Amino acid sequence: MEIHMHENATNIPDEVLLRLRQIIGGGKNHQDKPLIPVARSTWFKWVKAGIAPPAVRLGPRAVAWRQSDITAFMQGGFMANR
């Protein structure tokens, strides 16, 4: 049996991506428990200042963050020069 991979298969990320509500909480019913309980505006200020990791653009209106970057950030080991 021969397996044929789709041409876009090489664009699949090797790690988990987290959406903002998974990081800071929120969502429709506020059921997502935050990893980092800060306001949305604070989070984006931190990202802009290089304090928090940068987002990965998923589309024109969608971004996510690498789980490894968020874990490093929570442990105090995030380095802004990625």
C-alpha atoms as a PDB file:
ATOM      1  CA  MET A   1       0.000   0.000   0.000  1.00  0.00           C
ATOM      2  CA  GLU A   2       1.442   3.346  -1.021  1.00  0.00           C
ATOM      3  CA  ILE A   3       0.599   6.520   0.919  1.00  0.00           C
ATOM      4  CA  HIS A   4       0.420   9.811  -0.946  1.00  0.00           C
ATOM      5  CA  MET A   5       0.731  12.960   1.154  1.00  0.00           C
ATOM      6  CA  HIS A   6      -1.116  16.095   0.161  1.00  0.00           C
ATOM      7  CA  GLU A   7       1.201  18.898  -0.965  1.00  0.00           C
ATOM      8  CA  ASN A   8       0.175  21.007   2.080  1.00  0.00           C
ATOM      9  CA  ALA A   9       1.073  18.233   4.529  1.00  0.00           C
ATOM     10  CA  THR A  10       4.498  19.773   5.077  1.00  0.00           C
ATOM     11  CA  ASN A  11       2.856  22.914   6.526  1.00  0.00           C
ATOM     12  CA  ILE A  12       1.466  21.083   9.566  1.00  0.00           C
ATOM     13  CA  PRO A  13       3.015  22.437  12.773  1.00  0.00           C
ATOM     14  CA  ASP A  14       5.036  20.016  14.883  1.00  0.00           C
ATOM     15  CA  GLU A  15       3.568  21.277  18.119  1.00  0.00           C
ATOM     16  CA  VAL A  16       0.316  22.426  19.688  1.00  0.00           C
ATOM     17  CA  LEU A  17      -0.914  25.946  19.080  1.00  0.00           C
ATOM     18  CA  LEU A  18      -2.997  27.707  21.733  1.00  0.00           C
ATOM     19  CA  ARG A  19      -5.646  30.309  21.020  1.00  0.00           C
ATOM     20  CA  LEU A  20      -5.894  33.406  23.215  1.00  0.00           C
ATOM     21  CA  ARG A  21      -8.852  32.175  25.278  1.00  0.00           C
ATOM     22  CA  GLN A  22      -6.842  29.073  26.196  1.00  0.00           C
ATOM     23  CA  ILE A  23      -4.061  31.298  27.509  1.00  0.00           C
ATOM     24  CA  ILE A  24      -5.869  34.131  29.302  1.00  0.00           C
ATOM     25  CA  GLY A  25      -9.313  32.553  29.699  1.00  0.00           C
ATOM     26  CA  GLY A  26     -12.582  33.923  28.493  1.00  0.00           C
ATOM     27  CA  GLY A  27     -14.647  32.497  25.692  1.00  0.00           C
ATOM     28  CA  LYS A  28     -18.423  32.592  25.397  1.00  0.00           C
ATOM     29  CA  ASN A  29     -19.253  31.173  28.798  1.00  0.00           C
ATOM     30  CA  HIS A  30     -15.898  31.911  30.474  1.00  0.00           C
ATOM     31  CA  GLN A  31     -15.418  28.169  30.953  1.00  0.00           C
ATOM     32  CA  ASP A  32     -11.806  28.125  29.824  1.00  0.00           C
ATOM     33  CA  LYS A  33      -9.579  28.241  32.885  1.00  0.00           C
ATOM     34  CA  PRO A  34      -6.752  30.689  32.175  1.00  0.00           C
ATOM     35  CA  LEU A  35      -3.115  29.644  32.191  1.00  0.00           C
ATOM     36  CA  ILE A  36      -2.187  33.301  32.656  1.00  0.00           C
ATOM     37  CA  PRO A  37      -5.063  35.281  34.221  1.00  0.00           C
ATOM     38  CA  VAL A  38      -4.569  38.764  32.732  1.00  0.00           C
ATOM     39  CA  ALA A  39      -6.769  41.083  30.709  1.00  0.00           C
ATOM     40  CA  ARG A  40      -6.712  40.847  26.925  1.00  0.00           C
ATOM     41  CA  SER A  41      -5.299  44.388  26.695  1.00  0.00           C
ATOM     42  CA  THR A  42      -2.497  43.519  29.132  1.00  0.00           C
ATOM     43  CA  TRP A  43      -1.615  40.397  27.142  1.00  0.00           C
ATOM     44  CA  PHE A  44      -1.306  42.322  23.877  1.00  0.00           C
ATOM     45  CA  LYS A  45       0.755  45.055  25.583  1.00  0.00           C
ATOM     46  CA  TRP A  46       3.133  42.344  26.799  1.00  0.00           C
ATOM     47  CA  VAL A  47       3.336  40.821  23.302  1.00  0.00           C
ATOM     48  CA  LYS A  48       4.034  44.230  21.731  1.00  0.00           C
ATOM     49  CA  ALA A  49       6.712  44.985  24.342  1.00  0.00           C
ATOM     50  CA  GLY A  50       8.397  41.581  23.835  1.00  0.00           C
ATOM     51  CA  ILE A  51       7.523  40.437  27.357  1.00  0.00           C
ATOM     52  CA  ALA A  52       5.173  37.707  26.128  1.00  0.00           C
ATOM     53  CA  PRO A  53       5.858  35.506  23.088  1.00  0.00           C
ATOM     54  CA  PRO A  54       4.725  36.613  19.631  1.00  0.00           C
ATOM     55  CA  ALA A  55       1.710  35.059  17.967  1.00  0.00           C
ATOM     56  CA  VAL A  56       1.720  32.764  14.965  1.00  0.00           C
ATOM     57  CA  ARG A  57      -0.622  34.060  12.248  1.00  0.00           C
ATOM     58  CA  LEU A  58      -3.146  31.404  11.185  1.00  0.00           C
ATOM     59  CA  GLY A  59      -5.071  33.604   8.784  1.00  0.00           C
ATOM     60  CA  PRO A  60      -6.089  37.225   8.205  1.00  0.00           C
ATOM     61  CA  ARG A  61      -8.018  37.393  11.489  1.00  0.00           C
ATOM     62  CA  ALA A  62      -6.703  34.447  13.491  1.00  0.00           C
ATOM     63  CA  VAL A  63      -3.592  34.030  15.614  1.00  0.00           C
ATOM     64  CA  ALA A  64      -2.303  31.450  18.091  1.00  0.00           C
ATOM     65  CA  TRP A  65       0.749  30.907  20.275  1.00  0.00           C
ATOM     66  CA  ARG A  66       3.134  27.964  20.427  1.00  0.00           C
ATOM     67  CA  GLN A  67       2.519  25.919  23.552  1.00  0.00           C
ATOM     68  CA  SER A  68       6.277  25.644  24.106  1.00  0.00           C
ATOM     69  CA  ASP A  69       6.585  29.464  24.107  1.00  0.00           C
ATOM     70  CA  ILE A  70       3.724  29.810  26.595  1.00  0.00           C
ATOM     71  CA  THR A  71       5.216  27.136  28.848  1.00  0.00           C
ATOM     72  CA  ALA A  72       8.618  28.869  28.743  1.00  0.00           C
ATOM     73  CA  PHE A  73       6.939  32.221  29.461  1.00  0.00           C
ATOM     74  CA  MET A  74       5.142  30.782  32.511  1.00  0.00           C
ATOM     75  CA  GLN A  75       8.413  29.310  33.783  1.00  0.00           C
ATOM     76  CA  GLY A  76      10.231  32.583  33.271  1.00  0.00           C
ATOM     77  CA  GLY A  77      12.403  31.290  30.449  1.00  0.00           C
ATOM     78  CA  PHE A  78      10.841  32.963  27.415  1.00  0.00           C
ATOM     79  CA  MET A  79      13.363  34.605  25.127  1.00  0.00           C
ATOM     80  CA  ALA A  80      12.002  37.243  22.739  1.00  0.00           C
ATOM     81  CA  ASN A  81      14.533  36.566  19.973  1.00  0.00           C
ATOM     82  CA  ARG A  82      12.795  33.584  18.366  1.00  0.00           C
END
